């Protein structure tokens, strides 16, 4: 986040000195905790991924399951019970189970099957859609605008996230991580990088809308392809730097010696893990969700205020891209909110601030919360097609569809170009 805020501040310093000062203070707030966390004798690590920490034998079994289920979806999948044919001894034990337990096991099987089907659909749609976005922006010169530069990078981040879905599906079916130590590190890094880059580019896109609408004259020289590429490159470089601890601490571990079930997740030293988990989760929440959302609200409050004061004709030429960016942001917040609510609830339980929830229920919740997380990376290209004339026409052109089909499926309601 620090790189994004610094780059955006450089773009806006000539437009609004007071806002630039606010951004500078935010950089200080974000950078200081980051450096401090990285120096904590390995008691916790810094990462802006969707991953959290896992527990060890220092915690009771319920807390272990709660912590384990709050990791990546692959970690949550390995904590779900196996669906296998019962042996003779198991049949005798199952006969003594209550109907409620049998019903609960049945629900878990349904949840597992439904989630696997949805992940397959999300993976296919998301990879095809984001690949198409990357192609049309890179292929057609009219699509190479400042806003589309950030959209292209957002699509790349979404692709990195979706590439991990086949690994999640395999882990969900096998109830174990079968890909080994090296692939665990690759999976954790490529999957985890999405959370930081997504929120970062959405913040940058909001700032870009602020400059384009609130400071159209002064900011015209700042909204250039060169500056947009520098901002995008800086975001990726800082993101890669922040992913280094994630790469270092990710590993595989056998969680059940009897069945040989293994999980791929983040493992911290055993000292003070509960405190480390709470500190890391809250920092991750602030840096990856709350603070970016705060800047987005700040930028768009100014944008909406300016649009209301502008003339109708001028407003109509600007509102299309603004509406597109805002819709993508709202979709991101809605899709990631269930995950963060679950993390906050778990922190509350670790601090004894809220009543305990069944660990199995928490496992199921994290599996369900993973669905909108991945879905967010798949729906963005669909939003572009419905809300942007240029994207829609470029999609049809890239797919070789005739103009008649384009007219039937997506009628051209307005002829205003994307700004």
Protein backbone atom coordinates (compact mmCIF):
# COMPACT_ATOMS: atom_id res chain seq x y z
CA UNK A 1 0.00 0.00 0.00
CA UNK A 2 2.89 2.36 0.77
CA UNK A 3 4.10 2.38 -2.83
CA UNK A 4 0.64 3.12 -4.15
CA UNK A 5 0.10 6.00 -1.76
CA UNK A 6 3.56 7.46 -2.52
CA UNK A 7 3.04 7.25 -6.27
CA UNK A 8 -0.42 8.72 -6.04
CA UNK A 9 0.86 11.53 -3.85
CA UNK A 10 3.46 12.44 -6.51
CA UNK A 11 0.70 12.63 -9.09
CA UNK A 12 -1.54 14.81 -6.92
CA UNK A 13 0.91 17.10 -5.15
CA UNK A 14 0.51 19.70 -7.87
CA UNK A 15 -3.28 19.50 -7.63
CA UNK A 16 -4.08 19.69 -3.91
CA UNK A 17 -1.26 20.23 -1.39
CA UNK A 18 -3.45 19.46 1.62
CA UNK A 19 -4.51 16.10 0.23
CA UNK A 20 -0.87 15.35 -0.57
CA UNK A 21 0.00 15.98 3.07
CA UNK A 22 -2.70 13.52 4.12
CA UNK A 23 -1.26 10.91 1.80
CA UNK A 24 2.23 11.48 3.19
CA UNK A 25 0.98 10.89 6.71
CA UNK A 26 -0.68 7.69 5.53
CA UNK A 27 2.60 6.48 4.05
CA UNK A 28 4.26 7.04 7.42
CA UNK A 29 1.51 5.15 9.21
CA UNK A 30 1.73 2.23 6.82
CA UNK A 31 5.49 2.04 6.50
CA UNK A 32 6.33 2.18 10.19
CA UNK A 33 4.25 -0.83 11.25
CA UNK A 34 5.56 -2.78 8.27
CA UNK A 35 9.19 -2.29 9.23
CA UNK A 36 8.47 -2.88 12.87
CA UNK A 37 6.67 -6.16 12.21
CA UNK A 38 9.50 -7.44 10.06
CA UNK A 39 11.95 -6.89 12.94
CA UNK A 40 10.02 -8.81 15.59
CA UNK A 41 12.47 -11.72 16.01
CA UNK A 42 10.34 -13.86 13.70
CA UNK A 43 7.50 -13.79 16.24
CA UNK A 44 5.23 -12.79 13.39
CA UNK A 45 5.60 -11.96 9.73
CA UNK A 46 4.29 -9.25 7.47
CA UNK A 47 2.14 -10.13 4.52
CA UNK A 48 -0.81 -8.56 2.75
CA UNK A 49 -2.20 -11.84 1.54
CA UNK A 50 -5.40 -13.56 2.43
CA UNK A 51 -3.41 -15.94 4.59
CA UNK A 52 -3.36 -15.91 8.38
CA UNK A 53 -1.30 -17.89 10.88
CA UNK A 54 -1.62 -21.42 12.11
CA UNK A 55 -1.39 -22.78 15.62
CA UNK A 56 0.78 -25.43 17.22
CA UNK A 57 0.43 -27.78 20.14
CA UNK A 58 0.62 -24.84 22.55
CA UNK A 59 -3.13 -24.28 21.92
CA UNK A 60 -6.02 -26.63 22.58
CA UNK A 61 -7.54 -28.67 19.78
CA UNK A 62 -10.52 -26.37 19.23
CA UNK A 63 -8.29 -23.33 18.82
CA UNK A 64 -6.01 -25.31 16.49
CA UNK A 65 -8.94 -26.17 14.24
CA UNK A 66 -10.22 -22.59 14.35
CA UNK A 67 -6.83 -21.17 13.41
CA UNK A 68 -6.22 -23.80 10.74
CA UNK A 69 -9.58 -23.19 9.10
CA UNK A 70 -8.86 -19.46 8.85
CA UNK A 71 -5.88 -19.98 6.57
CA UNK A 72 -6.07 -20.32 2.82
CA UNK A 73 -9.04 -22.25 1.42
CA UNK A 74 -6.65 -25.17 0.89
CA UNK A 75 -5.95 -25.25 4.62
CA UNK A 76 -9.65 -25.12 5.40
CA UNK A 77 -10.29 -27.91 2.91
CA UNK A 78 -7.85 -30.23 4.66
CA UNK A 79 -9.73 -29.83 7.94
CA UNK A 80 -13.03 -31.06 6.46
CA UNK A 81 -13.84 -34.71 7.07
CA UNK A 82 -13.15 -37.26 4.38
CA UNK A 83 -16.02 -38.59 2.30
CA UNK A 84 -15.28 -42.29 1.97
CA UNK A 85 -17.00 -45.60 2.17
CA UNK A 86 -17.23 -46.82 5.73
CA UNK A 87 -15.51 -50.01 6.82
CA UNK A 88 -17.09 -52.58 9.09
CA UNK A 89 -15.76 -50.96 12.25
CA UNK A 90 -16.82 -47.55 11.06
CA UNK A 91 -20.31 -48.81 10.29
CA UNK A 92 -20.70 -49.99 13.87
CA UNK A 93 -19.58 -46.62 15.15
CA UNK A 94 -21.89 -44.77 12.77
CA UNK A 95 -24.84 -46.78 14.03
CA UNK A 96 -24.40 -45.13 17.42
CA UNK A 97 -24.26 -41.64 16.01
CA UNK A 98 -27.21 -39.40 16.49
CA UNK A 99 -29.36 -38.34 13.57
CA UNK A 100 -28.11 -34.80 14.08
CA UNK A 101 -24.50 -35.86 13.52
CA UNK A 102 -25.45 -37.79 10.40
CA UNK A 103 -27.36 -34.80 9.08
CA UNK A 104 -24.38 -32.55 9.80
CA UNK A 105 -22.05 -34.88 7.91
CA UNK A 106 -24.52 -34.91 5.01
CA UNK A 107 -24.52 -31.10 4.90
CA UNK A 108 -20.73 -31.07 4.83
CA UNK A 109 -20.69 -33.43 1.87
CA UNK A 110 -23.16 -31.20 0.03
CA UNK A 111 -21.11 -28.10 0.87
CA UNK A 112 -17.94 -29.73 -0.39
CA UNK A 113 -19.55 -30.83 -3.66
CA UNK A 114 -21.24 -27.49 -4.32
CA UNK A 115 -18.08 -25.51 -3.56
CA UNK A 116 -16.02 -27.70 -5.90
CA UNK A 117 -18.47 -27.18 -8.77
CA UNK A 118 -18.55 -23.42 -8.18
CA UNK A 119 -14.75 -23.24 -8.07
CA UNK A 120 -14.55 -24.99 -11.45
CA UNK A 121 -17.00 -22.52 -13.00
CA UNK A 122 -15.24 -19.53 -11.42
CA UNK A 123 -11.84 -20.74 -12.61
CA UNK A 124 -12.92 -21.24 -16.24
CA UNK A 125 -14.92 -18.00 -16.49
CA UNK A 126 -12.32 -15.95 -14.62
CA UNK A 127 -9.26 -17.13 -16.52
CA UNK A 128 -10.97 -16.71 -19.90
CA UNK A 129 -12.41 -13.30 -19.02
CA UNK A 130 -9.25 -11.80 -17.57
CA UNK A 131 -7.15 -13.19 -20.42
CA UNK A 132 -9.52 -11.43 -22.82
CA UNK A 133 -9.16 -8.17 -20.86
CA UNK A 134 -5.37 -8.38 -21.01
CA UNK A 135 -5.47 -9.15 -24.73
CA UNK A 136 -7.76 -6.32 -25.82
CA UNK A 137 -5.92 -3.69 -23.76
CA UNK A 138 -2.54 -4.82 -25.09
CA UNK A 139 -3.76 -5.41 -28.66
CA UNK A 140 -5.87 -2.34 -29.50
CA UNK A 141 -4.32 1.11 -29.27
CA UNK A 142 -7.63 2.84 -28.50
CA UNK A 143 -7.88 0.73 -25.34
CA UNK A 144 -4.51 1.86 -24.00
CA UNK A 145 -5.81 4.63 -21.75
CA UNK A 146 -4.66 5.50 -18.24
CA UNK A 147 -7.64 3.83 -16.59
CA UNK A 148 -7.30 0.73 -18.75
CA UNK A 149 -3.64 0.43 -17.77
CA UNK A 150 -4.73 -0.07 -14.18
CA UNK A 151 -7.53 -2.40 -15.28
CA UNK A 152 -4.99 -4.52 -17.16
CA UNK A 153 -2.83 -4.83 -14.05
CA UNK A 154 -5.89 -5.67 -11.97
CA UNK A 155 -6.68 -8.44 -14.47
CA UNK A 156 -3.14 -9.80 -14.12
CA UNK A 157 -3.53 -9.87 -10.33
CA UNK A 158 -6.86 -11.68 -10.71
CA UNK A 159 -5.25 -14.24 -12.99
CA UNK A 160 -2.56 -14.92 -10.39
CA UNK A 161 -5.31 -15.53 -7.85
CA UNK A 162 -7.36 -17.79 -10.12
CA UNK A 163 -4.35 -19.89 -11.16
CA UNK A 164 -4.37 -21.27 -7.62
CA UNK A 165 -7.91 -22.63 -7.95
CA UNK A 166 -6.88 -25.99 -9.51
CA UNK A 167 -4.63 -26.56 -6.51
CA UNK A 168 -7.52 -25.73 -4.20
CA UNK A 169 -9.81 -28.13 -6.07
CA UNK A 170 -7.30 -30.96 -5.86
CA UNK A 171 -6.77 -30.33 -2.16
CA UNK A 172 -10.52 -30.21 -1.57
CA UNK A 173 -11.03 -33.56 -3.30
CA UNK A 174 -8.05 -35.31 -1.69
CA UNK A 175 -8.44 -33.55 1.70
CA UNK A 176 -4.67 -33.13 1.68
CA UNK A 177 -1.97 -31.04 -0.04
CA UNK A 178 -0.35 -33.39 -2.59
CA UNK A 179 1.96 -30.99 -4.48
CA UNK A 180 4.96 -30.82 -2.18
CA UNK A 181 7.06 -28.14 -0.53
CA UNK A 182 8.16 -26.07 -3.53
CA UNK A 183 4.72 -25.81 -5.09
CA UNK A 184 3.35 -24.82 -1.70
CA UNK A 185 5.58 -21.75 -1.70
CA UNK A 186 4.67 -20.92 -5.30
CA UNK A 187 0.96 -21.33 -4.59
CA UNK A 188 0.99 -19.22 -1.45
CA UNK A 189 2.94 -16.41 -3.11
CA UNK A 190 0.94 -16.18 -6.35
CA UNK A 191 -2.37 -16.51 -4.53
CA UNK A 192 -1.50 -14.13 -1.73
CA UNK A 193 -0.29 -11.35 -3.99
CA UNK A 194 -3.83 -10.72 -5.25
CA UNK A 195 -5.17 -9.19 -2.07
CA UNK A 196 -2.58 -6.42 -1.89
CA UNK A 197 -2.48 -5.61 -5.60
CA UNK A 198 -6.27 -5.63 -5.97
CA UNK A 199 -6.88 -3.14 -3.17
CA UNK A 200 -3.88 -1.10 -4.30
CA UNK A 201 -4.98 -0.76 -7.92
CA UNK A 202 -8.56 0.00 -6.89
CA UNK A 203 -7.21 2.80 -4.71
CA UNK A 204 -5.08 4.09 -7.57
CA UNK A 205 -8.05 3.95 -9.95
CA UNK A 206 -10.10 5.97 -7.47
CA UNK A 207 -7.32 8.53 -7.23
CA UNK A 208 -7.09 8.65 -11.00
CA UNK A 209 -10.84 9.41 -11.20
CA UNK A 210 -10.34 12.14 -8.60
CA UNK A 211 -7.62 13.79 -10.68
CA UNK A 212 -9.54 13.41 -13.96
CA UNK A 213 -12.74 14.97 -12.62
CA UNK A 214 -11.81 17.26 -9.75
CA UNK A 215 -8.60 18.61 -11.32
CA UNK A 216 -9.14 18.07 -15.01
CA UNK A 217 -6.93 21.00 -16.09
CA UNK A 218 -4.13 20.79 -13.56
CA UNK A 219 -4.04 17.02 -13.61
CA UNK A 220 -4.07 16.52 -17.37
CA UNK A 221 -0.29 16.39 -17.46
CA UNK A 222 -0.23 13.86 -14.65
CA UNK A 223 -2.61 11.39 -16.28
CA UNK A 224 -0.23 10.11 -18.93
CA UNK A 225 0.57 6.55 -20.04
CA UNK A 226 4.12 6.91 -18.76
CA UNK A 227 3.06 7.92 -15.26
CA UNK A 228 0.42 5.20 -15.13
CA UNK A 229 3.01 2.57 -16.03
CA UNK A 230 5.40 3.88 -13.39
CA UNK A 231 2.66 3.73 -10.77
CA UNK A 232 1.72 0.19 -11.83
CA UNK A 233 5.33 -0.98 -11.81
CA UNK A 234 5.94 0.53 -8.39
CA UNK A 235 2.87 -1.23 -7.03
CA UNK A 236 4.05 -4.60 -8.28
CA UNK A 237 7.60 -4.10 -6.98
CA UNK A 238 6.47 -3.20 -3.48
CA UNK A 239 3.93 -6.00 -3.57
CA UNK A 240 6.65 -8.51 -4.45
CA UNK A 241 8.76 -7.18 -1.58
CA UNK A 242 5.91 -7.61 0.87
CA UNK A 243 5.33 -11.14 -0.40
CA UNK A 244 8.88 -12.18 0.56
CA UNK A 245 7.93 -13.10 4.16
CA UNK A 246 4.99 -15.08 2.81
CA UNK A 247 7.38 -17.07 0.63
CA UNK A 248 9.78 -17.60 3.53
CA UNK A 249 7.26 -18.82 6.11
CA UNK A 250 5.02 -20.91 3.85
CA UNK A 251 5.56 -24.62 4.20
CA UNK A 252 3.88 -28.00 4.27
CA UNK A 253 3.19 -30.00 7.40
CA UNK A 254 1.50 -33.29 8.19
CA UNK A 255 -1.50 -32.53 10.39
CA UNK A 256 -2.61 -36.13 10.90
CA UNK A 257 0.07 -38.78 11.32
CA UNK A 258 -2.48 -41.58 11.08
CA UNK A 259 -3.96 -40.63 7.71
CA UNK A 260 -0.95 -38.69 6.41
CA UNK A 261 -3.04 -35.58 5.73
CA UNK A 262 -0.79 -32.62 4.89
CA UNK A 263 -1.57 -28.92 4.65
CA UNK A 264 0.10 -26.00 2.90
CA UNK A 265 0.02 -22.86 4.98
CA UNK A 266 2.04 -20.37 7.02
CA UNK A 267 3.92 -21.62 10.07
CA UNK A 268 5.26 -19.25 12.71
CA UNK A 269 7.55 -19.93 15.67
CA UNK A 270 5.63 -21.26 18.65
CA UNK A 271 6.30 -18.35 21.00
CA UNK A 272 3.25 -16.17 21.61
CA UNK A 273 1.40 -17.35 18.55
CA UNK A 274 -2.00 -16.17 19.69
CA UNK A 275 -0.79 -12.59 20.13
CA UNK A 276 1.08 -12.79 16.83
CA UNK A 277 -2.05 -13.97 15.06
CA UNK A 278 -4.15 -11.14 16.48
CA UNK A 279 -1.56 -8.47 15.64
CA UNK A 280 -1.01 -9.77 12.14
CA UNK A 281 -4.69 -10.18 11.34
CA UNK A 282 -5.57 -6.67 12.47
CA UNK A 283 -2.63 -5.18 10.58
CA UNK A 284 -3.60 -7.16 7.50
CA UNK A 285 -7.18 -5.97 7.81
CA UNK A 286 -6.15 -2.33 8.12
CA UNK A 287 -3.49 -2.32 5.39
CA UNK A 288 -5.36 -4.43 2.85
CA UNK A 289 -8.97 -3.42 3.37
CA UNK A 290 -9.84 -0.63 5.81
CA UNK A 291 -7.21 1.97 4.84
CA UNK A 292 -7.61 1.48 1.06
CA UNK A 293 -11.37 1.67 1.51
CA UNK A 294 -10.93 4.90 3.45
CA UNK A 295 -8.97 6.49 0.60
CA UNK A 296 -11.53 5.25 -1.92
CA UNK A 297 -14.35 6.86 0.06
CA UNK A 298 -12.33 10.09 0.30
CA UNK A 299 -11.66 10.22 -3.44
CA UNK A 300 -15.17 9.34 -4.52
CA UNK A 301 -16.84 11.75 -2.13
CA UNK A 302 -14.93 14.53 -3.90
CA UNK A 303 -15.70 13.04 -7.32
CA UNK A 304 -19.44 12.81 -6.67
CA UNK A 305 -19.52 16.33 -5.27
CA UNK A 306 -17.75 17.70 -8.36
CA UNK A 307 -20.00 15.81 -10.77
CA UNK A 308 -23.10 17.23 -9.13
CA UNK A 309 -21.82 20.75 -9.64
CA UNK A 310 -20.72 20.28 -13.25
CA UNK A 311 -22.86 20.81 -16.31
CA UNK A 312 -25.03 17.95 -17.51
CA UNK A 313 -23.24 17.52 -20.84
CA UNK A 314 -19.83 17.56 -19.24
CA UNK A 315 -21.01 15.24 -16.49
CA UNK A 316 -22.33 12.66 -18.96
CA UNK A 317 -18.98 12.38 -20.72
CA UNK A 318 -17.21 11.63 -17.43
CA UNK A 319 -19.63 9.52 -15.46
CA UNK A 320 -19.28 6.32 -17.49
CA UNK A 321 -15.72 5.49 -16.46
CA UNK A 322 -16.43 6.76 -12.95
CA UNK A 323 -19.43 4.45 -12.70
CA UNK A 324 -17.37 1.52 -14.01
CA UNK A 325 -14.59 2.01 -11.45
CA UNK A 326 -17.09 2.50 -8.64
CA UNK A 327 -18.95 -0.68 -9.58
CA UNK A 328 -15.73 -2.71 -9.57
CA UNK A 329 -14.88 -1.29 -6.14
CA UNK A 330 -18.31 -2.10 -4.71
CA UNK A 331 -18.06 -5.64 -6.06
CA UNK A 332 -14.65 -6.04 -4.41
CA UNK A 333 -15.94 -4.86 -1.04
CA UNK A 334 -19.01 -7.11 -1.16
CA UNK A 335 -17.00 -10.18 -2.18
CA UNK A 336 -14.24 -9.74 0.42
CA UNK A 337 -16.40 -8.58 3.32
CA UNK A 338 -17.48 -12.10 4.42
CA UNK A 339 -13.85 -13.18 4.71
CA UNK A 340 -12.90 -10.18 6.82
CA UNK A 341 -15.95 -10.54 9.04
CA UNK A 342 -14.87 -14.11 9.74
CA UNK A 343 -11.35 -12.96 10.58
CA UNK A 344 -12.60 -10.26 12.95
CA UNK A 345 -14.91 -12.78 14.64
CA UNK A 346 -12.03 -15.21 15.13
CA UNK A 347 -9.85 -12.48 16.62
CA UNK A 348 -12.70 -11.66 18.99
CA UNK A 349 -12.83 -15.30 20.08
CA UNK A 350 -9.09 -15.46 20.65
CA UNK A 351 -9.36 -12.34 22.83
CA UNK A 352 -12.45 -13.76 24.61
CA UNK A 353 -14.54 -10.82 23.42
CA UNK A 354 -17.25 -12.85 21.68
CA UNK A 355 -18.78 -16.27 22.42
CA UNK A 356 -16.99 -19.26 20.96
CA UNK A 357 -18.25 -20.79 17.74
CA UNK A 358 -18.02 -24.45 16.85
CA UNK A 359 -14.70 -25.10 15.06
CA UNK A 360 -16.48 -27.22 12.46
CA UNK A 361 -18.90 -24.37 11.80
CA UNK A 362 -15.94 -22.04 11.34
CA UNK A 363 -14.37 -24.46 8.85
CA UNK A 364 -17.60 -24.48 6.85
CA UNK A 365 -17.83 -20.69 7.01
CA UNK A 366 -14.32 -20.24 5.63
CA UNK A 367 -15.08 -22.61 2.76
CA UNK A 368 -18.21 -20.60 1.93
CA UNK A 369 -16.38 -17.26 2.31
CA UNK A 370 -13.77 -18.42 -0.21
CA UNK A 371 -16.40 -18.61 -2.96
CA UNK A 372 -17.11 -14.85 -3.26
CA UNK A 373 -13.38 -14.15 -2.80
CA UNK A 374 -12.54 -16.07 -5.95
CA UNK A 375 -15.74 -14.96 -7.66
CA UNK A 376 -14.60 -11.34 -7.42
CA UNK A 377 -11.68 -12.10 -9.71
CA UNK A 378 -14.03 -13.63 -12.27
CA UNK A 379 -16.80 -11.03 -12.42
CA UNK A 380 -14.67 -7.99 -13.27
CA UNK A 381 -14.48 -8.76 -17.02
CA UNK A 382 -18.27 -9.19 -17.04
CA UNK A 383 -18.66 -5.77 -15.43
CA UNK A 384 -16.37 -4.23 -18.04
CA UNK A 385 -18.48 -5.74 -20.84
CA UNK A 386 -21.75 -4.40 -19.46
CA UNK A 387 -20.56 -0.96 -18.34
CA UNK A 388 -17.94 0.04 -20.93
CA UNK A 389 -18.75 0.50 -24.61
CA UNK A 390 -15.10 0.31 -25.61
CA UNK A 391 -14.49 -2.90 -23.70
CA UNK A 392 -17.67 -4.44 -25.05
CA UNK A 393 -16.82 -3.64 -28.67
CA UNK A 394 -13.22 -4.79 -28.20
CA UNK A 395 -14.39 -8.07 -26.69
CA UNK A 396 -16.64 -8.74 -29.68
CA UNK A 397 -13.89 -7.76 -32.08
CA UNK A 398 -11.37 -10.04 -30.38
CA UNK A 399 -13.86 -12.92 -30.40
CA UNK A 400 -14.69 -12.34 -34.07
CA UNK A 401 -18.39 -11.76 -33.44
CA UNK A 402 -20.40 -9.92 -36.06
CA UNK A 403 -21.87 -6.50 -35.51
CA UNK A 404 -25.42 -7.90 -35.67
CA UNK A 405 -24.77 -10.24 -32.72
CA UNK A 406 -23.18 -7.35 -30.85
CA UNK A 407 -26.33 -5.30 -31.40
CA UNK A 408 -28.60 -8.12 -30.23
CA UNK A 409 -26.67 -9.02 -27.07
CA UNK A 410 -25.37 -5.63 -25.95
CA UNK A 411 -27.35 -2.80 -27.47
CA UNK A 412 -25.51 0.50 -27.62
CA UNK A 413 -27.43 2.72 -25.24
CA UNK A 414 -25.05 5.64 -25.51
CA UNK A 415 -22.34 6.69 -27.88
CA UNK A 416 -20.19 8.51 -25.37
CA UNK A 417 -16.64 7.21 -25.43
CA UNK A 418 -14.76 6.04 -22.39
CA UNK A 419 -12.58 8.69 -20.90
